[in-house]
Amino acid sequence: MDIIKFTQLPKDEKTNYLWDFGVCLGQRLIGEHEIVCLFELDEFYVEAVYSRENNCVDDIAPLLELPHWDAYVDLVLLELLNH
């Protein structure tokens, strides 16, 4: 699946596809109530925001590139070391 088709899916289908075919690269805690998980999926990445209060995915944001934000620096370093 490409990023355009993925973006057009309803949220519940995105979530199911992500759990079935995505590879979790890492996660980070935002405040006390949300976890952001970074997934690699086919030829793009996805950030999924999970609510600990509601026990559900609140948002899914596809990304074309692995973000180089401070929150993911360790992931980028691990990726470089593994190649």
PDB file of N, CA and C in Angstrom:
ATOM      1  N   MET A   1       0.846  -1.178   0.000  1.00  0.00           N
ATOM      2  CA  MET A   1       0.000   0.000   0.000  1.00  0.00           C
ATOM      3  C   MET A   1       0.888   1.237   0.000  1.00  0.00           C
ATOM      4  N   ASP A   2       0.493   2.250  -0.748  1.00  0.00           N
ATOM      5  CA  ASP A   2       1.268   3.487  -0.745  1.00  0.00           C
ATOM      6  C   ASP A   2       0.630   4.493   0.218  1.00  0.00           C
ATOM      7  N   ILE A   3       1.339   5.579   0.445  1.00  0.00           N
ATOM      8  CA  ILE A   3       0.919   6.558   1.438  1.00  0.00           C
ATOM      9  C   ILE A   3      -0.406   7.238   1.055  1.00  0.00           C
ATOM     10  N   ILE A   4      -0.661   7.417  -0.227  1.00  0.00           N
ATOM     11  CA  ILE A   4      -1.906   8.068  -0.667  1.00  0.00           C
ATOM     12  C   ILE A   4      -3.104   7.183  -0.360  1.00  0.00           C
ATOM     13  N   LYS A   5      -3.011   5.893  -0.697  1.00  0.00           N
ATOM     14  CA  LYS A   5      -4.108   4.972  -0.387  1.00  0.00           C
ATOM     15  C   LYS A   5      -4.322   4.863   1.115  1.00  0.00           C
ATOM     16  N   PHE A   6      -3.216   4.798   1.868  1.00  0.00           N
ATOM     17  CA  PHE A   6      -3.308   4.701   3.320  1.00  0.00           C
ATOM     18  C   PHE A   6      -4.013   5.913   3.907  1.00  0.00           C
ATOM     19  N   THR A   7      -3.669   7.098   3.422  1.00  0.00           N
ATOM     20  CA  THR A   7      -4.264   8.341   3.919  1.00  0.00           C
ATOM     21  C   THR A   7      -5.766   8.382   3.684  1.00  0.00           C
ATOM     22  N   GLN A   8      -6.239   7.759   2.615  1.00  0.00           N
ATOM     23  CA  GLN A   8      -7.662   7.786   2.271  1.00  0.00           C
ATOM     24  C   GLN A   8      -8.505   6.791   3.077  1.00  0.00           C
ATOM     25  N   LEU A   9      -7.861   5.875   3.780  1.00  0.00           N
ATOM     26  CA  LEU A   9      -8.609   4.896   4.578  1.00  0.00           C
ATOM     27  C   LEU A   9      -9.253   5.549   5.796  1.00  0.00           C
ATOM     28  N   PRO A  10     -10.390   5.025   6.261  1.00  0.00           N
ATOM     29  CA  PRO A  10     -10.946   5.480   7.537  1.00  0.00           C
ATOM     30  C   PRO A  10      -9.983   5.116   8.676  1.00  0.00           C
ATOM     31  N   LYS A  11     -10.091   5.828   9.788  1.00  0.00           N
ATOM     32  CA  LYS A  11      -9.145   5.645  10.892  1.00  0.00           C
ATOM     33  C   LYS A  11      -9.100   4.203  11.393  1.00  0.00           C
ATOM     34  N   ASP A  12     -10.233   3.539  11.499  1.00  0.00           N
ATOM     35  CA  ASP A  12     -10.219   2.166  12.011  1.00  0.00           C
ATOM     36  C   ASP A  12      -9.493   1.216  11.057  1.00  0.00           C
ATOM     37  N   GLU A  13      -9.614   1.435   9.744  1.00  0.00           N
ATOM     38  CA  GLU A  13      -8.894   0.607   8.776  1.00  0.00           C
ATOM     39  C   GLU A  13      -7.396   0.913   8.786  1.00  0.00           C
ATOM     40  N   LYS A  14      -7.048   2.199   8.965  1.00  0.00           N
ATOM     41  CA  LYS A  14      -5.630   2.559   9.103  1.00  0.00           C
ATOM     42  C   LYS A  14      -5.034   1.848  10.316  1.00  0.00           C
ATOM     43  N   THR A  15      -5.765   1.882  11.422  1.00  0.00           N
ATOM     44  CA  THR A  15      -5.284   1.258  12.650  1.00  0.00           C
ATOM     45  C   THR A  15      -5.076  -0.242  12.452  1.00  0.00           C
ATOM     46  N   ASN A  16      -6.048  -0.907  11.857  1.00  0.00           N
ATOM     47  CA  ASN A  16      -5.921  -2.343  11.621  1.00  0.00           C
ATOM     48  C   ASN A  16      -4.760  -2.667  10.702  1.00  0.00           C
ATOM     49  N   TYR A  17      -4.590  -1.900   9.626  1.00  0.00           N
ATOM     50  CA  TYR A  17      -3.490  -2.131   8.687  1.00  0.00           C
ATOM     51  C   TYR A  17      -2.149  -1.914   9.390  1.00  0.00           C
ATOM     52  N   LEU A  18      -2.093  -0.872  10.204  1.00  0.00           N
ATOM     53  CA  LEU A  18      -0.878  -0.561  10.939  1.00  0.00           C
ATOM     54  C   LEU A  18      -0.496  -1.698  11.883  1.00  0.00           C
ATOM     55  N   TRP A  19      -1.458  -2.227  12.635  1.00  0.00           N
ATOM     56  CA  TRP A  19      -1.179  -3.325  13.579  1.00  0.00           C
ATOM     57  C   TRP A  19      -0.795  -4.598  12.832  1.00  0.00           C
ATOM     58  N   ASP A  20      -1.400  -4.838  11.671  1.00  0.00           N
ATOM     59  CA  ASP A  20      -1.137  -6.065  10.923  1.00  0.00           C
ATOM     60  C   ASP A  20       0.194  -6.038  10.171  1.00  0.00           C
ATOM     61  N   PHE A  21       0.565  -4.892   9.612  1.00  0.00           N
ATOM     62  CA  PHE A  21       1.718  -4.837   8.715  1.00  0.00           C
ATOM     63  C   PHE A  21       2.826  -3.872   9.143  1.00  0.00           C
ATOM     64  N   GLY A  22       2.586  -3.046  10.133  1.00  0.00           N
ATOM     65  CA  GLY A  22       3.579  -2.078  10.574  1.00  0.00           C
ATOM     66  C   GLY A  22       4.615  -2.687  11.512  1.00  0.00           C
ATOM     67  N   VAL A  23       5.789  -2.060  11.540  1.00  0.00           N
ATOM     68  CA  VAL A  23       6.856  -2.445  12.455  1.00  0.00           C
ATOM     69  C   VAL A  23       7.078  -1.274  13.394  1.00  0.00           C
ATOM     70  N   CYS A  24       6.848  -1.497  14.682  1.00  0.00           N
ATOM     71  CA  CYS A  24       7.025  -0.425  15.663  1.00  0.00           C
ATOM     72  C   CYS A  24       8.509  -0.166  15.863  1.00  0.00           C
ATOM     73  N   LEU A  25       8.930   1.067  15.601  1.00  0.00           N
ATOM     74  CA  LEU A  25      10.331   1.453  15.759  1.00  0.00           C
ATOM     75  C   LEU A  25      10.604   2.050  17.126  1.00  0.00           C
ATOM     76  N   GLY A  26       9.584   2.544  17.776  1.00  0.00           N
ATOM     77  CA  GLY A  26       9.766   3.141  19.090  1.00  0.00           C
ATOM     78  C   GLY A  26       8.534   3.898  19.513  1.00  0.00           C
ATOM     79  N   GLN A  27       8.589   4.353  20.752  1.00  0.00           N
ATOM     80  CA  GLN A  27       7.463   5.117  21.277  1.00  0.00           C
ATOM     81  C   GLN A  27       7.974   6.147  22.273  1.00  0.00           C
ATOM     82  N   ARG A  28       7.156   7.162  22.469  1.00  0.00           N
ATOM     83  CA  ARG A  28       7.496   8.200  23.438  1.00  0.00           C
ATOM     84  C   ARG A  28       6.230   8.637  24.141  1.00  0.00           C
ATOM     85  N   LEU A  29       6.378   9.008  25.377  1.00  0.00           N
ATOM     86  CA  LEU A  29       5.264   9.438  26.203  1.00  0.00           C
ATOM     87  C   LEU A  29       5.086  10.941  26.076  1.00  0.00           C
ATOM     88  N   ILE A  30       3.844  11.372  25.891  1.00  0.00           N
ATOM     89  CA  ILE A  30       3.524  12.797  25.851  1.00  0.00           C
ATOM     90  C   ILE A  30       2.600  13.063  27.030  1.00  0.00           C
ATOM     91  N   GLY A  31       3.104  13.768  28.010  1.00  0.00           N
ATOM     92  CA  GLY A  31       2.308  14.002  29.206  1.00  0.00           C
ATOM     93  C   GLY A  31       2.044  12.682  29.909  1.00  0.00           C
ATOM     94  N   GLU A  32       0.926  12.631  30.597  1.00  0.00           N
ATOM     95  CA  GLU A  32       0.571  11.418  31.333  1.00  0.00           C
ATOM     96  C   GLU A  32      -0.420  10.548  30.585  1.00  0.00           C
ATOM     97  N   HIS A  33      -0.988  11.073  29.515  1.00  0.00           N
ATOM     98  CA  HIS A  33      -2.136  10.397  28.930  1.00  0.00           C
ATOM     99  C   HIS A  33      -1.975   9.917  27.499  1.00  0.00           C
ATOM    100  N   GLU A  34      -0.865  10.270  26.827  1.00  0.00           N
ATOM    101  CA  GLU A  34      -0.730   9.880  25.427  1.00  0.00           C
ATOM    102  C   GLU A  34       0.632   9.256  25.152  1.00  0.00           C
ATOM    103  N   ILE A  35       0.621   8.259  24.285  1.00  0.00           N
ATOM    104  CA  ILE A  35       1.836   7.615  23.802  1.00  0.00           C
ATOM    105  C   ILE A  35       1.851   7.774  22.279  1.00  0.00           C
ATOM    106  N   VAL A  36       2.977   8.223  21.753  1.00  0.00           N
ATOM    107  CA  VAL A  36       3.141   8.316  20.300  1.00  0.00           C
ATOM    108  C   VAL A  36       4.063   7.174  19.874  1.00  0.00           C
ATOM    109  N   CYS A  37       3.558   6.334  18.991  1.00  0.00           N
ATOM    110  CA  CYS A  37       4.334   5.206  18.475  1.00  0.00           C
ATOM    111  C   CYS A  37       4.728   5.502  17.037  1.00  0.00           C
ATOM    112  N   LEU A  38       5.981   5.255  16.716  1.00  0.00           N
ATOM    113  CA  LEU A  38       6.465   5.430  15.354  1.00  0.00           C
ATOM    114  C   LEU A  38       6.558   4.062  14.701  1.00  0.00           C
ATOM    115  N   PHE A  39       5.888   3.910  13.554  1.00  0.00           N
ATOM    116  CA  PHE A  39       5.867   2.656  12.816  1.00  0.00           C
ATOM    117  C   PHE A  39       6.498   2.839  11.446  1.00  0.00           C
ATOM    118  N   GLU A  40       7.158   1.795  10.974  1.00  0.00           N
ATOM    119  CA  GLU A  40       7.580   1.728   9.584  1.00  0.00           C
ATOM    120  C   GLU A  40       6.539   0.881   8.871  1.00  0.00           C
ATOM    121  N   LEU A  41       6.058   1.389   7.750  1.00  0.00           N
ATOM    122  CA  LEU A  41       4.979   0.709   7.043  1.00  0.00           C
ATOM    123  C   LEU A  41       5.237   0.818   5.548  1.00  0.00           C
ATOM    124  N   ASP A  42       5.519  -0.303   4.913  1.00  0.00           N
ATOM    125  CA  ASP A  42       5.797  -0.333   3.484  1.00  0.00           C
ATOM    126  C   ASP A  42       6.910   0.673   3.156  1.00  0.00           C
ATOM    127  N   GLU A  43       6.609   1.736   2.421  1.00  0.00           N
ATOM    128  CA  GLU A  43       7.644   2.697   2.031  1.00  0.00           C
ATOM    129  C   GLU A  43       7.482   4.047   2.719  1.00  0.00           C
ATOM    130  N   PHE A  44       6.825   4.059   3.860  1.00  0.00           N
ATOM    131  CA  PHE A  44       6.650   5.307   4.602  1.00  0.00           C
ATOM    132  C   PHE A  44       6.560   4.994   6.090  1.00  0.00           C
ATOM    133  N   TYR A  45       6.475   6.042   6.886  1.00  0.00           N
ATOM    134  CA  TYR A  45       6.396   5.915   8.339  1.00  0.00           C
ATOM    135  C   TYR A  45       5.055   6.468   8.809  1.00  0.00           C
ATOM    136  N   VAL A  46       4.661   6.050  10.000  1.00  0.00           N
ATOM    137  CA  VAL A  46       3.392   6.496  10.562  1.00  0.00           C
ATOM    138  C   VAL A  46       3.577   6.762  12.047  1.00  0.00           C
ATOM    139  N   GLU A  47       3.064   7.902  12.490  1.00  0.00           N
ATOM    140  CA  GLU A  47       2.975   8.170  13.918  1.00  0.00           C
ATOM    141  C   GLU A  47       1.536   7.914  14.349  1.00  0.00           C
ATOM    142  N   ALA A  48       1.384   7.085  15.362  1.00  0.00           N
ATOM    143  CA  ALA A  48       0.061   6.799  15.906  1.00  0.00           C
ATOM    144  C   ALA A  48       0.018   7.323  17.337  1.00  0.00           C
ATOM    145  N   VAL A  49      -0.981   8.147  17.629  1.00  0.00           N
ATOM    146  CA  VAL A  49      -1.156   8.702  18.968  1.00  0.00           C
ATOM    147  C   VAL A  49      -2.185   7.853  19.699  1.00  0.00           C
ATOM    148  N   TYR A  50      -1.736   7.241  20.770  1.00  0.00           N
ATOM    149  CA  TYR A  50      -2.568   6.325  21.548  1.00  0.00           C
ATOM    150  C   TYR A  50      -2.945   6.976  22.871  1.00  0.00           C
ATOM    151  N   SER A  51      -4.225   6.995  23.186  1.00  0.00           N
ATOM    152  CA  SER A  51      -4.715   7.572  24.440  1.00  0.00           C
ATOM    153  C   SER A  51      -4.750   6.505  25.522  1.00  0.00           C
ATOM    154  N   ARG A  52      -4.027   6.741  26.602  1.00  0.00           N
ATOM    155  CA  ARG A  52      -4.051   5.809  27.729  1.00  0.00           C
ATOM    156  C   ARG A  52      -5.363   5.935  28.501  1.00  0.00           C
ATOM    157  N   GLU A  53      -5.992   7.090  28.425  1.00  0.00           N
ATOM    158  CA  GLU A  53      -7.275   7.296  29.116  1.00  0.00           C
ATOM    159  C   GLU A  53      -8.398   6.525  28.431  1.00  0.00           C
ATOM    160  N   ASN A  54      -8.475   6.627  27.100  1.00  0.00           N
ATOM    161  CA  ASN A  54      -9.563   6.015  26.340  1.00  0.00           C
ATOM    162  C   ASN A  54      -9.221   4.616  25.826  1.00  0.00           C
ATOM    163  N   ASN A  55      -7.943   4.235  25.933  1.00  0.00           N
ATOM    164  CA  ASN A  55      -7.471   2.942  25.442  1.00  0.00           C
ATOM    165  C   ASN A  55      -7.761   2.771  23.941  1.00  0.00           C
ATOM    166  N   CYS A  56      -7.474   3.841  23.168  1.00  0.00           N
ATOM    167  CA  CYS A  56      -7.701   3.774  21.727  1.00  0.00           C
ATOM    168  C   CYS A  56      -6.733   4.711  21.003  1.00  0.00           C
ATOM    169  N   VAL A  57      -6.656   4.534  19.693  1.00  0.00           N
ATOM    170  CA  VAL A  57      -5.830   5.394  18.854  1.00  0.00           C
ATOM    171  C   VAL A  57      -6.622   6.651  18.529  1.00  0.00           C
ATOM    172  N   ASP A  58      -6.053   7.807  18.878  1.00  0.00           N
ATOM    173  CA  ASP A  58      -6.724   9.082  18.628  1.00  0.00           C
ATOM    174  C   ASP A  58      -6.381   9.675  17.270  1.00  0.00           C
ATOM    175  N   ASP A  59      -5.150   9.438  16.803  1.00  0.00           N
ATOM    176  CA  ASP A  59      -4.718  10.061  15.558  1.00  0.00           C
ATOM    177  C   ASP A  59      -3.657   9.201  14.892  1.00  0.00           C
ATOM    178  N   ILE A  60      -3.647   9.215  13.568  1.00  0.00           N
ATOM    179  CA  ILE A  60      -2.641   8.511  12.784  1.00  0.00           C
ATOM    180  C   ILE A  60      -2.143   9.477  11.712  1.00  0.00           C
ATOM    181  N   ALA A  61      -0.829   9.713  11.713  1.00  0.00           N
ATOM    182  CA  ALA A  61      -0.240  10.666  10.772  1.00  0.00           C
ATOM    183  C   ALA A  61       0.849   9.994   9.950  1.00  0.00           C
ATOM    184  N   PRO A  62       0.600   9.771   8.648  1.00  0.00           N
ATOM    185  CA  PRO A  62       1.637   9.200   7.783  1.00  0.00           C
ATOM    186  C   PRO A  62       2.740  10.226   7.496  1.00  0.00           C
ATOM    187  N   LEU A  63       3.984   9.728   7.414  1.00  0.00           N
ATOM    188  CA  LEU A  63       5.146  10.572   7.151  1.00  0.00           C
ATOM    189  C   LEU A  63       5.947   9.948   6.013  1.00  0.00           C
ATOM    190  N   LEU A  64       6.438  10.760   5.099  1.00  0.00           N
ATOM    191  CA  LEU A  64       7.234  10.240   3.990  1.00  0.00           C
ATOM    192  C   LEU A  64       8.649   9.873   4.410  1.00  0.00           C
ATOM    193  N   GLU A  65       9.186  10.574   5.405  1.00  0.00           N
ATOM    194  CA  GLU A  65      10.558  10.344   5.849  1.00  0.00           C
ATOM    195  C   GLU A  65      10.580  10.112   7.340  1.00  0.00           C
ATOM    196  N   LEU A  66      11.615   9.435   7.802  1.00  0.00           N
ATOM    197  CA  LEU A  66      11.808   9.281   9.232  1.00  0.00           C
ATOM    198  C   LEU A  66      12.156  10.648   9.803  1.00  0.00           C
ATOM    199  N   PRO A  67      11.379  11.117  10.756  1.00  0.00           N
ATOM    200  CA  PRO A  67      11.661  12.443  11.300  1.00  0.00           C
ATOM    201  C   PRO A  67      12.983  12.466  12.057  1.00  0.00           C
ATOM    202  N   HIS A  68      13.670  13.573  11.983  1.00  0.00           N
ATOM    203  CA  HIS A  68      14.943  13.725  12.679  1.00  0.00           C
ATOM    204  C   HIS A  68      14.772  14.592  13.921  1.00  0.00           C
ATOM    205  N   TRP A  69      13.612  14.488  14.539  1.00  0.00           N
ATOM    206  CA  TRP A  69      13.358  15.241  15.747  1.00  0.00           C
ATOM    207  C   TRP A  69      14.120  14.623  16.904  1.00  0.00           C
ATOM    208  N   ASP A  70      14.359  15.411  17.924  1.00  0.00           N
ATOM    209  CA  ASP A  70      15.087  14.935  19.099  1.00  0.00           C
ATOM    210  C   ASP A  70      14.480  13.659  19.672  1.00  0.00           C
ATOM    211  N   ALA A  71      13.164  13.537  19.600  1.00  0.00           N
ATOM    212  CA  ALA A  71      12.497  12.372  20.170  1.00  0.00           C
ATOM    213  C   ALA A  71      12.889  11.081  19.461  1.00  0.00           C
ATOM    214  N   TYR A  72      13.404  11.190  18.227  1.00  0.00           N
ATOM    215  CA  TYR A  72      13.744  10.000  17.456  1.00  0.00           C
ATOM    216  C   TYR A  72      15.229   9.869  17.161  1.00  0.00           C
ATOM    217  N   VAL A  73      16.058  10.669  17.799  1.00  0.00           N
ATOM    218  CA  VAL A  73      17.500  10.615  17.529  1.00  0.00           C
ATOM    219  C   VAL A  73      18.046   9.221  17.803  1.00  0.00           C
ATOM    220  N   ASP A  74      17.653   8.607  18.908  1.00  0.00           N
ATOM    221  CA  ASP A  74      18.132   7.265  19.228  1.00  0.00           C
ATOM    222  C   ASP A  74      17.737   6.267  18.149  1.00  0.00           C
ATOM    223  N   LEU A  75      16.531   6.406  17.597  1.00  0.00           N
ATOM    224  CA  LEU A  75      16.082   5.488  16.545  1.00  0.00           C
ATOM    225  C   LEU A  75      16.920   5.643  15.290  1.00  0.00           C
ATOM    226  N   VAL A  76      17.250   6.861  14.934  1.00  0.00           N
ATOM    227  CA  VAL A  76      18.065   7.116  13.751  1.00  0.00           C
ATOM    228  C   VAL A  76      19.459   6.530  13.957  1.00  0.00           C
ATOM    229  N   LEU A  77      20.028   6.705  15.144  1.00  0.00           N
ATOM    230  CA  LEU A  77      21.352   6.148  15.420  1.00  0.00           C
ATOM    231  C   LEU A  77      21.337   4.623  15.357  1.00  0.00           C
ATOM    232  N   LEU A  78      20.301   4.003  15.914  1.00  0.00           N
ATOM    233  CA  LEU A  78      20.194   2.543  15.855  1.00  0.00           C
ATOM    234  C   LEU A  78      20.071   2.058  14.421  1.00  0.00           C
ATOM    235  N   GLU A  79      19.307   2.778  13.607  1.00  0.00           N
ATOM    236  CA  GLU A  79      19.148   2.399  12.205  1.00  0.00           C
ATOM    237  C   GLU A  79      20.499   2.459  11.483  1.00  0.00           C
ATOM    238  N   LEU A  80      21.280   3.492  11.760  1.00  0.00           N
ATOM    239  CA  LEU A  80      22.596   3.620  11.130  1.00  0.00           C
ATOM    240  C   LEU A  80      23.544   2.525  11.591  1.00  0.00           C
ATOM    241  N   LEU A  81      23.491   2.178  12.854  1.00  0.00           N
ATOM    242  CA  LEU A  81      24.369   1.136  13.381  1.00  0.00           C
ATOM    243  C   LEU A  81      24.031  -0.251  12.864  1.00  0.00           C
ATOM    244  N   ASN A  82      22.759  -0.467  12.540  1.00  0.00           N
ATOM    245  CA  ASN A  82      22.317  -1.774  12.066  1.00  0.00           C
ATOM    246  C   ASN A  82      22.601  -2.008  10.590  1.00  0.00           C
ATOM    247  N   HIS A  83      23.048  -0.988   9.866  1.00  0.00           N
ATOM    248  CA  HIS A  83      23.325  -1.150   8.427  1.00  0.00           C
ATOM    249  C   HIS A  83      24.768  -1.374   8.165  1.00  0.00           C
TER     250      HIS A  83
END
